[in-house]
Amino acid sequence: MARALPPSFHRVAFPDAPAYPPLDGSRKADVCIVGGGYTGLSAALHLAEAGADVVLLEADRVASGASGANGGQLHSGQRRDVLWLEKRFGFERAKRLWDMAEDAKALVRSLIERFAIPCDLRAGVIEALHKPALIRESAALVEALRSRYGYDRVELLERAQTVEALGSERFAGALRDGGGGHFDPYRFALGLARAASGQGAAIHERTPALSLGEAGGPVVRTARGEVRADRVIVATDGRSGALEQITRRRMVGVNSFVVITDPLGPEGDSILPGGESAADSRFVVRYWRKTAENRLIFGGGESSAGSVAADIGSFVRPHLLEIYPQ
């Protein structure tokens, strides 16, 4: 049996999150959404705004999965940079993928502003280059973004500038993206839920979807009721279980582990003094940022979805100390 994940710090620090009642009984809807993370909440909000009758089912609490426990970073582009994408797919497709990511950043910012979501949104992401060979590639990337993509928010930092920007001597250089950002991921999700509910979407927590079937149309059954809908959106990412098999066969679940420090004293002033967040260029990425309470949130290491470190602090600590031995 897989070891249960410990509660997210964000949830522990904000215990008075609004509660939504479990589903009790049967009802109809235009759309039934399974999953109360970013995908499900955003779908509920936008569909409800468009006038649809929406029911959202969440097995635990809103943002109880990765949406409420991630590193809270808002990056530009895709997992692979535009130079890699151009070589693989050509410029036109690479440009469409870049524009999609830019639209996603703009959407996040607009939702935060439009619904006054208090999630401590801040500007800036630094990609720390973990080996000198990446300096030349990164210079080419900066030039490509400026000349072909019209994006001039990224600058290449030399080693001395990187040490100053990160407060660490671990890296050969860095890319600083003023168009990226970071925020409290849990409070952002709570804000989406509040906005969706305010637009008329019915949110039901502690209501696992047990089966998805057909009976004159899609039917989602739960322990205490069911939802008959014209459409069903399964927005559970790697947690679909046996509910939905089509996308499940195309997914590989991976855990990434995050720790948070006590509030930093004066010795922490040199860490990210510009207020940006950071991530390194390794394939198994390490990522970090400081919170409004001056804590350091740091993520590093990964495992398959069915395997959870017995002591997450001990698992992540070597990665943290490699970058910040102090």
Foldseek 3Di string as FASTA:
>chain_A
DFDDDDFAPQCVVCVPQDAAAADFAEDEWAEEEEAQAPVRLVVLLVCLLVPTAYEYEAQATRPRPCLQHDQFKQDAFDPDALVVVCVVPNNVVSLVRRVVSVVVLVVLVCLCVVLVQPWPKDFKEKAFEQDPVCQVVVVVRCVCCVPPVVANQKDKAAQVRVCQQAVFNRGGTIIMGRSMIGTNSNSSSSSSNVSSVVSPYRYHHSWHFPEWDDDPAIWTDTPRYIYGHNYYHYDHQQPCPPHDDPCNVVDWAKDKFKDKDDADDPVCCSGNVVQGWYWYDDPQIKTWGADPSNMIMIIGDMDTPRYDDPDRCVVCVVVVCSGVVD
